[in-house]
Each structure stands twice: as C-alpha cells, then as structure tokens.
N, C-alpha and C. Protein backbone atom coordinates (compact mmCIF):
# COMPACT_ATOMS: atom_id res chain seq x y z
N MET A 1 92.15 13.45 -119.45
CA MET A 1 91.94 14.53 -118.52
C MET A 1 92.50 15.96 -119.17
N ASP A 2 93.83 15.80 -119.12
CA ASP A 2 94.77 16.97 -119.31
C ASP A 2 94.07 17.97 -120.61
N ASN A 3 93.49 17.01 -121.64
CA ASN A 3 92.74 17.63 -122.88
C ASN A 3 91.69 18.60 -122.42
N LEU A 4 90.97 17.90 -121.45
CA LEU A 4 89.71 18.81 -121.24
C LEU A 4 90.09 20.17 -120.16
N ILE A 5 91.01 20.26 -119.61
CA ILE A 5 91.59 21.53 -118.82
C ILE A 5 91.75 22.40 -120.41
N TYR A 6 92.57 22.13 -121.39
CA TYR A 6 93.01 22.75 -122.27
C TYR A 6 91.68 23.52 -123.26
N LEU A 7 90.60 22.27 -123.26
CA LEU A 7 89.72 22.58 -123.86
C LEU A 7 88.88 23.76 -123.18
N ILE A 8 88.52 23.54 -122.19
CA ILE A 8 87.78 24.56 -121.14
C ILE A 8 88.56 25.73 -121.09
N ALA A 9 89.96 25.92 -121.17
CA ALA A 9 90.56 27.06 -121.14
C ALA A 9 90.57 27.52 -122.41
N ALA A 10 90.54 26.99 -123.47
CA ALA A 10 90.22 27.70 -124.99
C ALA A 10 88.95 28.04 -124.93
N ALA A 11 87.78 27.33 -124.68
CA ALA A 11 86.36 27.97 -124.78
C ALA A 11 86.13 29.24 -123.90
N LEU A 12 86.67 29.19 -122.67
CA LEU A 12 86.78 30.60 -121.88
C LEU A 12 87.55 31.74 -122.69
N GLY A 13 88.70 31.58 -123.33
CA GLY A 13 89.62 32.31 -124.03
C GLY A 13 88.66 32.81 -125.25
N LEU A 14 87.91 32.16 -126.07
CA LEU A 14 87.19 32.57 -127.06
C LEU A 14 85.91 32.96 -126.79
N GLY A 15 85.60 32.47 -125.61
CA GLY A 15 84.31 33.42 -125.38
C GLY A 15 84.57 34.72 -124.82
N SER A 16 85.53 34.91 -124.18
CA SER A 16 85.62 36.14 -123.50
C SER A 16 86.12 37.15 -124.67
N LEU A 17 86.96 36.53 -125.86
CA LEU A 17 87.30 37.41 -126.82
C LEU A 17 85.93 37.61 -127.65
N GLY A 18 84.83 36.81 -127.95
CA GLY A 18 83.55 37.11 -128.59
C GLY A 18 83.29 38.35 -127.78
N LEU A 19 83.01 38.34 -126.26
CA LEU A 19 82.51 39.33 -125.51
C LEU A 19 83.17 40.37 -125.67
N LEU A 20 84.55 40.73 -125.81
CA LEU A 20 85.10 42.03 -125.75
C LEU A 20 84.74 42.49 -127.32
N ALA A 21 84.57 41.58 -128.20
CA ALA A 21 84.48 42.45 -129.57
C ALA A 21 83.06 42.64 -129.78
N PHE A 22 81.85 42.07 -129.07
CA PHE A 22 80.77 42.69 -129.30
C PHE A 22 80.69 44.09 -127.96
N LEU A 23 81.30 44.29 -127.18
CA LEU A 23 81.35 45.26 -126.23
C LEU A 23 82.03 46.62 -126.98
N TRP A 24 83.08 46.08 -127.81
CA TRP A 24 83.92 47.12 -128.76
C TRP A 24 82.81 47.57 -129.61
N ALA A 25 82.04 46.69 -130.14
CA ALA A 25 80.87 47.19 -131.38
C ALA A 25 80.04 47.84 -130.69
N LEU A 26 79.80 47.84 -129.52
CA LEU A 26 78.50 48.17 -128.89
C LEU A 26 78.93 50.02 -128.66
N LYS A 27 80.36 49.95 -127.97
CA LYS A 27 81.02 51.17 -127.74
C LYS A 27 81.07 52.27 -128.81
N SER A 28 81.72 51.40 -129.97
CA SER A 28 82.20 52.30 -131.03
C SER A 28 80.87 53.10 -131.81
N GLY A 29 79.69 52.40 -131.40
CA GLY A 29 78.43 52.87 -132.03
C GLY A 29 77.89 51.86 -133.25
N GLN A 30 78.35 50.89 -133.61
CA GLN A 30 77.91 49.97 -134.60
C GLN A 30 76.33 49.64 -134.82
N PHE A 31 75.66 49.77 -133.47
CA PHE A 31 74.59 49.55 -133.60
C PHE A 31 73.50 50.32 -133.26
N ASP A 32 73.94 51.83 -133.60
CA ASP A 32 73.38 53.30 -133.53
C ASP A 32 71.78 53.37 -134.37
N ASP A 33 72.43 53.01 -135.76
CA ASP A 33 71.09 52.92 -136.83
C ASP A 33 70.85 51.89 -137.15
N LEU A 34 69.76 51.41 -136.51
CA LEU A 34 69.55 49.89 -136.99
C LEU A 34 68.50 50.15 -138.10
N GLU A 35 67.72 51.04 -138.33
CA GLU A 35 66.70 51.30 -139.37
C GLU A 35 67.39 51.71 -140.53
N GLY A 36 68.65 52.25 -140.69
CA GLY A 36 69.10 52.73 -141.84
C GLY A 36 69.59 52.12 -142.91
N ALA A 37 69.84 50.83 -142.77
CA ALA A 37 70.46 50.27 -143.73
C ALA A 37 69.11 49.49 -144.15
N ALA A 38 67.96 49.28 -143.57
CA ALA A 38 66.71 48.63 -143.99
C ALA A 38 66.18 49.69 -144.93
N ASN A 39 66.20 50.60 -144.74
CA ASN A 39 65.37 51.93 -145.25
C ASN A 39 66.22 52.35 -146.59
N ARG A 40 67.57 51.91 -146.52
CA ARG A 40 68.64 52.57 -147.74
C ARG A 40 68.19 51.76 -149.01
N ILE A 41 67.91 50.36 -148.63
CA ILE A 41 67.70 49.53 -149.88
C ILE A 41 66.53 49.98 -150.68
N LEU A 42 65.56 51.05 -150.20
CA LEU A 42 64.31 51.18 -150.91
C LEU A 42 64.58 52.31 -151.95
N PHE A 43 65.27 52.99 -151.70
CA PHE A 43 65.86 54.43 -152.43
C PHE A 43 66.73 53.83 -153.54
N ASP A 44 66.69 54.20 -154.82
CA ASP A 44 67.35 54.13 -155.63
C ASP A 44 68.46 55.02 -156.16
N GLU A 45 69.69 55.01 -155.86
CA GLU A 45 70.97 56.06 -156.18
C GLU A 45 70.95 56.25 -157.48
N ASP A 46 70.36 55.58 -158.27
CA ASP A 46 70.50 55.83 -160.04
C ASP A 46 69.48 56.98 -160.12
N ASP A 47 68.43 57.23 -159.35
CA ASP A 47 67.38 58.12 -159.52
C ASP A 47 67.78 59.47 -159.13
N GLU A 48 68.74 59.43 -158.02
CA GLU A 48 69.07 60.75 -157.42
C GLU A 48 70.12 61.26 -158.03
N GLU A 49 70.92 60.37 -158.96
CA GLU A 49 72.13 60.75 -159.68
C GLU A 49 71.47 61.56 -160.91
N ASN A 50 70.50 61.18 -161.58
CA ASN A 50 70.18 61.57 -162.59
C ASN A 50 69.16 62.66 -162.54
N ASN A 51 68.57 62.76 -161.26
CA ASN A 51 67.96 64.28 -161.08
C ASN A 51 68.69 65.46 -160.33
N LYS A 52 69.55 65.32 -160.47
CA LYS A 52 70.61 66.22 -159.97
C LYS A 52 70.78 67.63 -161.13
N ASP A 53 70.86 68.57 -160.88
CA ASP A 53 71.12 69.49 -161.87
C ASP A 53 72.57 69.46 -162.39
N PRO A 54 72.73 69.95 -163.74
CA PRO A 54 74.27 69.83 -164.17
C PRO A 54 75.10 71.12 -163.88
C-alpha cells in the first residue's frame, strides 16, 4: 500500500512537469509558425545559393 502512494505522487509530479514544459513552450512561441517548417522542405537551398550574384 505504501508503494501506491509513491507511485501516485510520482505520476502527479511527472504530469505537472509535462504540463509546465508544455506551457513554457506555448509561452516562448514554439507553436507560432506551424506551416513554416512544412513549407521549408519544398524549397531547395542549393538552388538559392547557385542563383545569387557573385
């Protein structure tokens, strides 16, 4: 029975740690540009470097 108390406390601690990490990521702007990374794969960086004027 004592082990159950430790497991509940550990689960609540890890859950609150995950919630704090999510809130920090939300506040620091990690989810601001959701389409940028998806669109960035479509552009070839080598073509942009070759098209620059020397």
